Amino acid sequence: MELRSARFKSAARVALFDPELQEAMADNRHFAAHVRRQVGATGSFQALRDEARAIKDHTLAHLDHYLERYEAAAARRGVQVHWAATPEEAQAQVLAICRQAGARQVIKGKTMIGEEMGINAALARAGIQRFETDLGEYILQLADEPPSHINGPAIHKTLRQVQALFHEHHQELGRDEYLLDPADLLAEARRLLRQRFIDADVGITGANFLVAEDGTHVLVTNEGNGDLTSLLPRVRIVLASIEKVLPTLADAGTHLQLLALSATGQPLTSYTSIYGGPADDGPEECHVVLLDNGRSEMLAGAFRPMLRCIRCAACMDNCPVYNWVGGHAYGWIYPGPMGSVWTPNLAGLEDTRDLPNACTLNGRCKEVCPMQIPLPDMLRELRHQQWQRHLTPTGSRWGLRLWGALARHPALYRFASAMLAQILRRVAGSRGRLRRLPLAGAWTVERDMPAPQGATFQQLWGKQQKRDAP
């Protein structure tokens, strides 16, 4: 997928004035509130968080050991493990497997690592037909769009848009009826995909967790398409990144509970499957392609906690910025707060400089993250790196320098802030609100700014100190 993160500001402005997107994102805000209620009603949630964090921190500290242990255990099951340092290497490995299998048709489940690898485009270039089996991904295949959410890839689409897509594309298959009911749309997709499952030569899925002790992998879905994609074709390809490994199946059980609760508010997802190799569950061949793509470097620095992420999407579902601009504005695979950390680390800070600043630092993402990832701290670290590397816009640098100069002279700072408060109060007049602010027009495009109503905090504090003095 093309990196478009450098255009976040312009994409966000377009998104704010897109009525269809705003309608769809309003539904996501209601869904996020439902999930928060379910999490709040789970008394063991904090204990699960602490246990999962400890497991993951231990695993990351010994990641090389557990990856080698996983590879050896998987090999005993007849699974071939392939290592890829870059997305290009992963593409080449997947295509080689498909060619060796003589694949003409591939079915595919939802996999964000597959998006990161660029598998869809690679298959198309190789002339291999790809059929998405996750309903959201199927909708996006019709629309020729990338996902906008890591769990609900088509969450940015309204029902009207889905109806129109089905009507437009299914006419080519001889189905002229304009379907309105969501259940009818689902049944239509199921009918069309059923034969694809039977005809496919290769099935490609992701993996939620890899288990080092026995070489299995865990896959969760709410549609069952993951099981059909894994079991019916004669060749199975599993795409995963190196941080998905966990020491034991019991450790995976702890993370599964957190994943389901934080992603959808369920005790467990509808389909939770554990897969081995050819001798265990059906396919003639089973391959696992493990992608690094910068994660080894993250292990050694301030961004190691990001590798605890279990892709639940709680951070983005509760992010006020994501819920207004949607996922496509972030311009790459991972949107929202987690994407604002992942993307600069994986794709480079130079081309993603807007993302660490696409945040109000309200801290809600850290509060809801089941793995207790300090997302605001890492976004601040990225902003610091931008400053150090002179990637911060010139206007912002001069503004911060001016503020710093004032802050180093308290008397001058108090005088300047008091004068500014009086000026803004006079400009606001009887309305008490400012429609525009010099050098800060973006703050008042959609809202008025309340004007100062009297003395500054420092003036009030000084008066209180004098009253309290003996």
Protein backbone atom coordinates (compact mmCIF):
# COMPACT_ATOMS: atom_id res chain seq x y z
CA MET A 1 0.00 0.00 0.00
CA GLU A 2 1.34 3.45 -0.93
CA LEU A 3 2.52 5.52 2.04
CA ARG A 4 0.29 8.61 2.16
CA SER A 5 0.89 9.62 5.79
CA ALA A 6 2.65 12.81 4.70
CA ARG A 7 -0.76 14.08 3.54
CA PHE A 8 -2.57 13.53 6.86
CA LYS A 9 -3.62 17.16 7.33
CA SER A 10 -5.26 17.52 3.93
CA ALA A 11 -6.83 14.05 4.18
CA ALA A 12 -8.22 14.85 7.63
CA ARG A 13 -9.81 18.09 6.35
CA VAL A 14 -11.53 16.18 3.56
CA ALA A 15 -12.73 13.52 6.00
CA LEU A 16 -14.28 16.07 8.35
CA PHE A 17 -16.58 17.28 5.58
CA ASP A 18 -17.51 13.82 4.23
CA PRO A 19 -21.13 13.22 5.37
CA GLU A 20 -21.07 9.47 4.64
CA LEU A 21 -17.89 9.00 6.65
CA GLN A 22 -19.20 11.06 9.55
CA GLU A 23 -22.36 8.95 9.65
CA ALA A 24 -20.32 5.74 9.69
CA MET A 25 -17.91 6.97 12.37
CA ALA A 26 -20.83 7.97 14.61
CA ASP A 27 -21.82 4.31 14.63
CA ASN A 28 -18.28 3.39 15.67
CA ARG A 29 -18.45 5.77 18.63
CA HIS A 30 -21.62 4.01 19.83
CA PHE A 31 -19.90 0.65 19.44
CA ALA A 32 -16.89 1.83 21.44
CA ALA A 33 -19.18 2.90 24.29
CA HIS A 34 -20.73 -0.59 24.32
CA VAL A 35 -17.30 -2.22 24.56
CA ARG A 36 -16.29 0.08 27.43
CA ARG A 37 -19.39 -0.97 29.36
CA GLN A 38 -18.58 -4.65 28.88
CA VAL A 39 -14.98 -4.14 29.97
CA GLY A 40 -16.10 -2.14 32.99
CA ALA A 41 -18.40 -4.97 34.05
CA THR A 42 -15.52 -7.50 34.00
CA GLY A 43 -14.07 -7.59 37.50
CA SER A 44 -10.97 -9.53 36.50
CA PHE A 45 -9.95 -7.16 33.69
CA GLN A 46 -7.11 -5.38 35.51
CA ALA A 47 -5.67 -8.66 36.77
CA LEU A 48 -5.74 -10.01 33.21
CA ARG A 49 -3.99 -6.86 31.97
CA ASP A 50 -1.21 -7.19 34.52
CA GLU A 51 -0.72 -10.89 33.78
CA ALA A 52 -0.68 -10.38 29.99
CA ARG A 53 1.76 -7.49 30.23
CA ALA A 54 4.15 -9.54 32.35
CA ILE A 55 3.95 -12.46 29.89
CA LYS A 56 4.61 -10.25 26.90
CA ASP A 57 7.45 -8.33 28.53
CA HIS A 58 9.13 -11.62 29.41
CA THR A 59 8.63 -12.92 25.87
CA LEU A 60 10.05 -9.77 24.25
CA ALA A 61 13.08 -9.94 26.54
CA HIS A 62 13.76 -13.47 25.22
CA LEU A 63 12.22 -13.15 21.77
CA ASP A 64 15.01 -14.94 19.93
CA HIS A 65 14.69 -17.96 22.23
CA TYR A 66 10.92 -18.28 21.80
CA LEU A 67 11.04 -17.77 18.03
CA GLU A 68 13.61 -20.56 17.68
CA ARG A 69 11.55 -22.75 19.98
CA TYR A 70 8.43 -22.05 17.91
CA GLU A 71 10.20 -22.86 14.65
CA ALA A 72 11.48 -26.18 15.99
CA ALA A 73 8.06 -27.18 17.38
CA ALA A 74 6.29 -26.15 14.17
CA ALA A 75 8.76 -28.16 12.09
CA ARG A 76 7.94 -31.26 14.12
CA ARG A 77 4.34 -30.78 12.99
CA GLY A 78 5.38 -30.59 9.35
CA VAL A 79 5.07 -26.78 9.15
CA GLN A 80 7.63 -24.91 7.04
CA VAL A 81 8.64 -21.61 8.67
CA HIS A 82 9.98 -18.86 6.40
CA TRP A 83 11.78 -15.76 7.70
CA ALA A 84 11.41 -12.38 5.99
CA ALA A 85 13.33 -9.26 6.98
CA THR A 86 11.33 -7.01 4.63
CA PRO A 87 7.88 -6.96 3.00
CA GLU A 88 9.53 -7.64 -0.35
CA GLU A 89 11.12 -10.83 0.96
CA ALA A 90 7.75 -11.92 2.38
CA GLN A 91 6.05 -11.29 -0.97
CA ALA A 92 8.66 -13.38 -2.77
CA GLN A 93 8.22 -16.26 -0.33
CA VAL A 94 4.43 -16.26 -0.62
CA LEU A 95 4.56 -16.14 -4.41
CA ALA A 96 7.11 -18.96 -4.52
CA ILE A 97 4.80 -21.14 -2.41
CA CYS A 98 1.82 -20.31 -4.65
CA ARG A 99 3.76 -21.05 -7.83
CA GLN A 100 5.04 -24.34 -6.45
CA ALA A 101 1.45 -25.27 -5.68
CA GLY A 102 0.34 -24.26 -9.17
CA ALA A 103 -2.12 -21.85 -7.62
CA ARG A 104 -4.49 -19.96 -9.86
CA GLN A 105 -6.99 -18.98 -7.16
CA VAL A 106 -6.25 -17.93 -3.59
CA ILE A 107 -8.72 -17.30 -0.79
CA LYS A 108 -7.67 -14.97 1.97
CA GLY A 109 -8.78 -14.03 5.46
CA LYS A 110 -8.26 -10.65 7.08
CA THR A 111 -4.61 -10.09 7.96
CA MET A 112 -3.05 -6.73 8.73
CA ILE A 113 0.41 -8.26 8.40
CA GLY A 114 -0.63 -9.28 4.89
CA GLU A 115 -1.46 -5.62 4.23
CA GLU A 116 1.93 -4.63 5.62
CA MET A 117 3.60 -7.18 3.35
CA GLY A 118 1.70 -5.89 0.32
CA ILE A 119 0.44 -9.39 -0.48
CA ASN A 120 -2.67 -8.29 -2.39
CA ALA A 121 -0.70 -6.27 -4.94
CA ALA A 122 1.94 -9.00 -5.23
CA LEU A 123 -0.67 -11.64 -6.04
CA ALA A 124 -2.26 -9.37 -8.63
CA ARG A 125 1.09 -8.75 -10.33
CA ALA A 126 1.66 -12.51 -10.45
CA GLY A 127 -1.69 -13.07 -12.15
CA ILE A 128 -3.14 -15.03 -9.22
CA GLN A 129 -6.81 -14.42 -8.46
CA ARG A 130 -7.48 -13.39 -4.85
CA PHE A 131 -10.84 -13.66 -3.13
CA GLU A 132 -11.33 -12.03 0.26
CA THR A 133 -13.46 -14.10 2.62
CA ASP A 134 -13.90 -11.69 5.54
CA LEU A 135 -17.10 -9.75 4.82
CA GLY A 136 -15.51 -6.37 5.49
CA GLU A 137 -12.51 -7.19 3.32
CA TYR A 138 -14.86 -8.54 0.62
CA ILE A 139 -16.67 -5.17 0.60
CA LEU A 140 -13.34 -3.37 0.27
CA GLN A 141 -12.25 -5.64 -2.56
CA LEU A 142 -15.37 -4.55 -4.43
CA ALA A 143 -14.58 -0.91 -3.62
CA ASP A 144 -10.86 -1.33 -4.41
CA GLU A 145 -9.93 0.31 -1.10
CA PRO A 146 -7.57 -0.57 1.76
CA PRO A 147 -8.90 -1.22 5.30
CA SER A 148 -9.63 1.77 7.52
CA HIS A 149 -9.67 -0.20 10.81
CA ILE A 150 -7.67 -3.20 11.95
CA ASN A 151 -10.71 -5.21 13.09
CA GLY A 152 -13.60 -3.73 11.13
CA PRO A 153 -11.90 -2.97 7.80
CA ALA A 154 -15.04 -1.48 6.19
CA ILE A 155 -16.20 0.45 9.24
CA HIS A 156 -16.04 3.66 7.21
CA LYS A 157 -18.77 2.45 4.84
CA THR A 158 -22.46 3.17 5.40
CA LEU A 159 -25.16 0.63 4.60
CA ARG A 160 -26.16 2.70 1.54
CA GLN A 161 -22.63 2.49 0.17
CA VAL A 162 -22.48 -1.29 0.69
CA GLN A 163 -25.85 -1.73 -1.02
CA ALA A 164 -24.59 0.24 -4.02
CA LEU A 165 -21.34 -1.74 -4.22
CA PHE A 166 -23.15 -5.08 -4.19
CA HIS A 167 -25.60 -3.92 -6.85
CA GLU A 168 -22.82 -2.57 -9.10
CA HIS A 169 -20.47 -5.54 -8.93
CA HIS A 170 -22.91 -8.42 -8.65
CA GLN A 171 -24.66 -7.46 -11.87
CA GLU A 172 -21.61 -8.89 -13.63
CA LEU A 173 -22.57 -12.22 -12.06
CA GLY A 174 -26.15 -12.06 -13.31
CA ARG A 175 -27.74 -10.76 -10.08
CA ASP A 176 -29.80 -7.66 -10.84
CA GLU A 177 -31.78 -7.32 -7.62
CA TYR A 178 -30.96 -4.28 -5.46
CA LEU A 179 -30.61 -5.73 -1.96
CA LEU A 180 -31.53 -3.55 1.02
CA ASP A 181 -31.58 -5.75 4.10
CA PRO A 182 -28.17 -6.43 5.73
CA ALA A 183 -29.11 -10.10 6.17
CA ASP A 184 -29.77 -10.39 2.43
CA LEU A 185 -26.44 -8.74 1.65
CA LEU A 186 -24.68 -11.20 3.94
CA ALA A 187 -26.47 -14.17 2.36
CA GLU A 188 -25.53 -12.91 -1.11
CA ALA A 189 -21.84 -12.68 -0.15
CA ARG A 190 -21.99 -16.15 1.40
CA ARG A 191 -23.49 -17.68 -1.76
CA LEU A 192 -20.86 -16.11 -3.98
CA LEU A 193 -17.95 -17.07 -1.73
CA ARG A 194 -19.00 -20.67 -1.10
CA GLN A 195 -17.64 -21.93 -4.42
CA ARG A 196 -14.47 -19.89 -3.94
CA PHE A 197 -13.66 -21.90 -0.81
CA ILE A 198 -14.03 -25.14 -2.77
CA ASP A 199 -12.06 -24.04 -5.84
CA ALA A 200 -9.11 -22.34 -4.12
CA ASP A 201 -5.66 -23.89 -4.37
CA VAL A 202 -4.17 -21.88 -1.47
CA GLY A 203 -5.66 -20.32 1.67
CA ILE A 204 -3.95 -17.34 3.30
CA THR A 205 -4.72 -16.17 6.83
CA GLY A 206 -3.07 -14.22 9.59
CA ALA A 207 -2.42 -15.46 13.11
CA ASN A 208 -3.36 -13.81 16.36
CA PHE A 209 -0.76 -15.75 18.35
CA LEU A 210 2.03 -18.25 17.72
CA VAL A 211 2.65 -20.78 20.51
CA ALA A 212 6.30 -21.65 21.12
CA GLU A 213 5.75 -24.75 23.27
CA ASP A 214 3.90 -26.78 20.63
CA GLY A 215 4.30 -24.97 17.29
CA THR A 216 0.61 -24.17 16.86
CA HIS A 217 -1.00 -20.88 15.94
CA VAL A 218 -4.24 -19.33 17.19
CA LEU A 219 -6.75 -17.65 14.89
CA VAL A 220 -9.90 -15.83 16.03
CA THR A 221 -12.83 -14.62 13.92
CA ASN A 222 -16.52 -13.89 14.35
CA GLU A 223 -17.50 -15.14 10.88
CA GLY A 224 -15.96 -18.59 10.56
CA ASN A 225 -14.26 -17.64 7.31
CA GLY A 226 -10.87 -18.15 8.93
CA ASP A 227 -11.61 -21.81 9.53
CA LEU A 228 -12.80 -22.43 5.96
CA THR A 229 -9.79 -20.58 4.55
CA SER A 230 -7.45 -22.62 6.74
CA LEU A 231 -9.01 -26.05 6.27
CA LEU A 232 -10.35 -26.41 2.72
CA PRO A 233 -7.42 -25.55 0.37
CA ARG A 234 -4.64 -28.10 0.04
CA VAL A 235 -1.96 -25.46 0.86
CA ARG A 236 -2.17 -23.14 3.87
CA ILE A 237 -0.07 -19.98 4.26
CA VAL A 238 -0.06 -18.19 7.61
CA LEU A 239 1.27 -14.62 7.75
CA ALA A 240 2.54 -13.26 11.06
CA SER A 241 5.05 -10.84 12.53
CA ILE A 242 7.77 -11.93 14.90
CA GLU A 243 6.25 -10.38 18.05
CA LYS A 244 3.13 -12.61 17.79
CA VAL A 245 4.89 -15.52 19.56
CA LEU A 246 3.95 -16.48 23.14
CA PRO A 247 5.63 -19.14 25.33
CA THR A 248 2.65 -21.41 26.11
CA LEU A 249 -0.95 -22.13 25.15
CA ALA A 250 -1.99 -20.97 28.63
CA ASP A 251 -0.35 -17.61 27.90
CA ALA A 252 -2.34 -17.41 24.69
CA GLY A 253 -5.52 -18.06 26.72
CA THR A 254 -4.83 -15.01 28.88
CA HIS A 255 -4.33 -12.81 25.82
CA LEU A 256 -7.41 -14.23 24.09
CA GLN A 257 -9.64 -13.03 26.91
CA LEU A 258 -8.21 -9.53 26.73
CA LEU A 259 -8.42 -9.45 22.93
CA ALA A 260 -12.09 -10.40 22.77
CA LEU A 261 -13.12 -8.05 25.59
CA SER A 262 -11.23 -5.05 24.27
CA ALA A 263 -12.07 -5.57 20.59
CA THR A 264 -15.78 -6.41 20.70
CA GLY A 265 -16.83 -6.69 24.34
CA GLN A 266 -17.21 -10.49 24.07
CA PRO A 267 -15.96 -13.03 26.63
CA LEU A 268 -14.45 -14.89 23.65
CA THR A 269 -14.80 -14.51 19.91
CA SER A 270 -17.29 -16.77 18.13
CA TYR A 271 -14.55 -18.87 16.50
CA THR A 272 -11.30 -19.47 18.38
CA SER A 273 -9.22 -22.04 16.52
CA ILE A 274 -5.83 -23.64 17.21
CA TYR A 275 -4.02 -24.99 14.15
CA GLY A 276 -1.02 -27.25 13.78
CA GLY A 277 0.36 -28.76 10.59
CA PRO A 278 -0.55 -31.22 7.82
CA ALA A 279 -0.81 -34.19 10.16
CA ASP A 280 -3.12 -32.29 12.51
CA ASP A 281 -5.88 -30.63 10.54
CA GLY A 282 -5.98 -31.29 6.83
CA PRO A 283 -3.83 -29.37 4.36
CA GLU A 284 -1.14 -31.11 2.36
CA GLU A 285 1.25 -28.25 3.09
CA CYS A 286 1.39 -25.60 5.79
CA HIS A 287 3.71 -22.59 5.63
CA VAL A 288 4.25 -19.77 8.13
CA VAL A 289 5.88 -16.56 6.87
CA LEU A 290 7.34 -14.48 9.70
CA LEU A 291 7.96 -10.78 9.04
CA ASP A 292 10.43 -8.58 10.92
CA ASN A 293 10.25 -5.25 9.04
CA GLY A 294 11.95 -3.12 11.69
CA ARG A 295 10.66 -4.86 14.78
CA SER A 296 14.12 -6.09 15.83
CA GLU A 297 15.26 -2.46 15.96
CA MET A 298 12.23 -1.51 18.06
CA LEU A 299 13.19 -4.14 20.62
CA ALA A 300 16.31 -2.21 21.56
CA GLY A 301 14.77 1.21 22.11
CA ALA A 302 12.02 3.32 23.62
CA PHE A 303 9.35 1.75 21.41
CA ARG A 304 9.65 -1.84 22.67
CA PRO A 305 6.30 -1.57 24.56
CA MET A 306 4.56 -1.12 21.18
CA LEU A 307 5.45 -4.75 20.44
CA ARG A 308 3.01 -5.77 23.20
CA CYS A 309 0.12 -4.73 20.92
CA ILE A 310 -2.46 -7.49 20.31
CA ARG A 311 -4.37 -5.58 17.58
CA CYS A 312 -7.60 -5.14 19.55
CA ALA A 313 -8.20 -1.58 18.18
CA ALA A 314 -9.35 -0.26 21.57
CA CYS A 315 -7.02 2.73 21.20
CA MET A 316 -8.51 3.84 17.89
CA ASP A 317 -12.10 3.09 18.87
CA ASN A 318 -11.70 5.47 21.82
CA CYS A 319 -9.60 8.11 20.06
CA PRO A 320 -11.46 11.38 19.40
CA VAL A 321 -9.24 12.13 16.38
CA TYR A 322 -9.70 8.72 14.72
CA ASN A 323 -13.44 8.82 15.33
CA TRP A 324 -13.76 12.03 13.33
CA VAL A 325 -11.30 11.51 10.49
CA GLY A 326 -11.45 7.69 10.07
CA GLY A 327 -8.59 5.38 9.21
CA HIS A 328 -7.73 6.34 5.65
CA ALA A 329 -6.57 9.81 6.71
CA TYR A 330 -3.59 8.18 8.46
CA GLY A 331 -2.34 7.11 5.06
CA TRP A 332 -0.97 3.61 5.66
CA ILE A 333 -1.78 0.22 7.15
CA TYR A 334 -2.26 1.11 10.82
CA PRO A 335 -4.51 4.02 11.82
CA GLY A 336 -5.29 5.73 15.11
CA PRO A 337 -2.92 6.08 18.08
CA MET A 338 -1.23 2.72 17.53
CA GLY A 339 -0.68 3.58 13.88
CA SER A 340 0.81 6.94 14.83
CA VAL A 341 3.54 4.99 16.63
CA TRP A 342 3.85 1.95 14.34
CA THR A 343 4.02 3.84 11.04
CA PRO A 344 6.92 6.19 11.90
CA ASN A 345 8.87 3.21 13.24
CA LEU A 346 8.21 1.00 10.23
CA ALA A 347 8.15 3.56 7.42
CA GLY A 348 10.41 6.34 8.74
CA LEU A 349 9.69 9.56 10.61
CA GLU A 350 10.56 11.82 7.68
CA ASP A 351 7.54 10.71 5.63
CA THR A 352 5.14 10.37 8.56
CA ARG A 353 5.84 13.55 10.51
CA ASP A 354 2.16 14.52 10.87
CA LEU A 355 1.16 11.31 12.66
CA PRO A 356 2.80 11.88 16.08
CA ASN A 357 1.01 15.23 16.12
CA ALA A 358 -2.40 13.79 15.13
CA CYS A 359 -3.21 13.45 18.81
CA THR A 360 -4.54 15.67 21.62
CA LEU A 361 -2.54 13.66 24.23
CA ASN A 362 -5.76 13.19 26.21
CA GLY A 363 -4.47 9.78 27.35
CA ARG A 364 -7.63 7.79 26.66
CA CYS A 365 -5.73 5.32 24.45
CA LYS A 366 -3.41 4.41 27.33
CA GLU A 367 -6.35 4.00 29.70
CA VAL A 368 -8.21 1.51 27.49
CA CYS A 369 -5.21 -0.41 26.10
CA PRO A 370 -5.43 -3.96 27.51
CA MET A 371 -1.64 -4.31 27.23
CA GLN A 372 -1.05 -0.98 29.04
CA ILE A 373 1.07 0.42 26.22
CA PRO A 374 2.13 4.01 27.05
CA LEU A 375 1.02 5.41 23.71
CA PRO A 376 1.04 9.12 24.75
CA ASP A 377 4.60 8.77 26.06
CA MET A 378 5.76 7.26 22.77
CA LEU A 379 4.00 9.95 20.74
CA ARG A 380 5.81 12.56 22.82
CA GLU A 381 9.09 10.74 22.19
CA LEU A 382 8.43 10.84 18.44
CA ARG A 383 7.71 14.57 18.68
CA HIS A 384 11.01 14.99 20.55
CA GLN A 385 12.82 13.08 17.80
CA GLN A 386 11.18 15.33 15.21
CA TRP A 387 12.47 18.39 17.06
CA GLN A 388 15.97 16.95 17.37
CA ARG A 389 16.07 16.11 13.65
CA HIS A 390 14.60 19.50 12.60
CA LEU A 391 11.48 17.87 11.14
CA THR A 392 9.11 20.13 13.10
CA PRO A 393 7.56 22.89 10.93
CA THR A 394 9.41 26.21 11.08
CA GLY A 395 6.40 28.08 12.50
CA SER A 396 6.06 25.62 15.35
CA ARG A 397 9.79 25.82 16.12
CA TRP A 398 9.72 29.61 16.34
CA GLY A 399 6.55 29.54 18.42
CA LEU A 400 8.07 27.11 20.91
CA ARG A 401 11.28 29.14 21.07
CA LEU A 402 9.25 32.26 21.86
CA TRP A 403 7.30 30.44 24.56
CA GLY A 404 10.55 29.03 25.99
CA ALA A 405 12.12 32.50 26.12
CA LEU A 406 9.11 33.84 28.01
CA ALA A 407 8.99 30.86 30.37
CA ARG A 408 12.62 31.46 31.37
CA HIS A 409 11.67 34.95 32.60
CA PRO A 410 8.70 34.51 34.98
CA ALA A 411 7.97 38.20 35.44
CA LEU A 412 7.88 38.79 31.69
CA TYR A 413 5.74 35.64 31.21
CA ARG A 414 3.20 36.84 33.78
CA PHE A 415 3.03 40.28 32.21
CA ALA A 416 2.65 38.94 28.65
CA SER A 417 -0.02 36.38 29.58
CA ALA A 418 -2.04 38.98 31.52
CA MET A 419 -1.87 41.42 28.60
CA LEU A 420 -2.90 38.73 26.12
CA ALA A 421 -5.83 37.71 28.30
CA GLN A 422 -7.07 41.30 28.42
CA ILE A 423 -6.67 41.74 24.66
CA LEU A 424 -8.57 38.53 23.87
CA ARG A 425 -11.31 39.51 26.33
CA ARG A 426 -11.77 42.88 24.62
CA VAL A 427 -11.77 41.35 21.13
CA ALA A 428 -14.42 38.83 22.15
CA GLY A 429 -16.68 41.58 23.48
CA SER A 430 -20.08 40.67 24.87
CA ARG A 431 -20.14 37.31 23.04
CA GLY A 432 -17.33 36.04 25.24
CA ARG A 433 -16.12 33.84 22.39
CA LEU A 434 -13.58 34.18 19.60
CA ARG A 435 -14.45 33.14 16.08
CA ARG A 436 -10.85 33.41 14.85
CA LEU A 437 -7.43 33.36 16.45
CA PRO A 438 -4.23 34.76 14.91
CA LEU A 439 -1.78 31.96 13.98
CA ALA A 440 -4.26 29.36 15.26
CA GLY A 441 -6.98 29.30 12.63
CA ALA A 442 -7.22 25.50 12.68
CA TRP A 443 -8.60 25.61 16.23
CA THR A 444 -11.53 27.82 15.20
CA VAL A 445 -12.52 26.31 11.84
CA GLU A 446 -15.22 24.18 13.50
CA ARG A 447 -15.62 25.86 16.90
CA ASP A 448 -15.48 29.19 18.74
CA MET A 449 -12.81 29.64 21.39
CA PRO A 450 -14.03 30.83 24.82
CA ALA A 451 -12.31 34.10 25.69
CA PRO A 452 -10.57 34.72 29.03
CA GLN A 453 -13.12 36.06 31.50
CA GLY A 454 -10.91 37.81 34.06
CA ALA A 455 -7.60 37.45 35.83
CA THR A 456 -5.09 34.78 34.83
CA PHE A 457 -4.52 31.71 36.98
CA GLN A 458 -1.21 33.14 38.20
CA GLN A 459 -2.87 36.41 39.23
CA LEU A 460 -5.58 34.56 41.12
CA TRP A 461 -3.01 32.30 42.76
CA GLY A 462 -0.93 35.32 43.81
CA LYS A 463 -3.96 36.96 45.43
CA GLN A 464 -4.80 33.73 47.25
CA GLN A 465 -1.23 33.50 48.55
CA LYS A 466 -1.45 37.02 49.94
CA ARG A 467 -4.78 36.25 51.67
CA ASP A 468 -3.35 33.10 53.20
CA ALA A 469 -0.16 34.75 54.39
CA PRO A 470 0.05 35.16 58.22
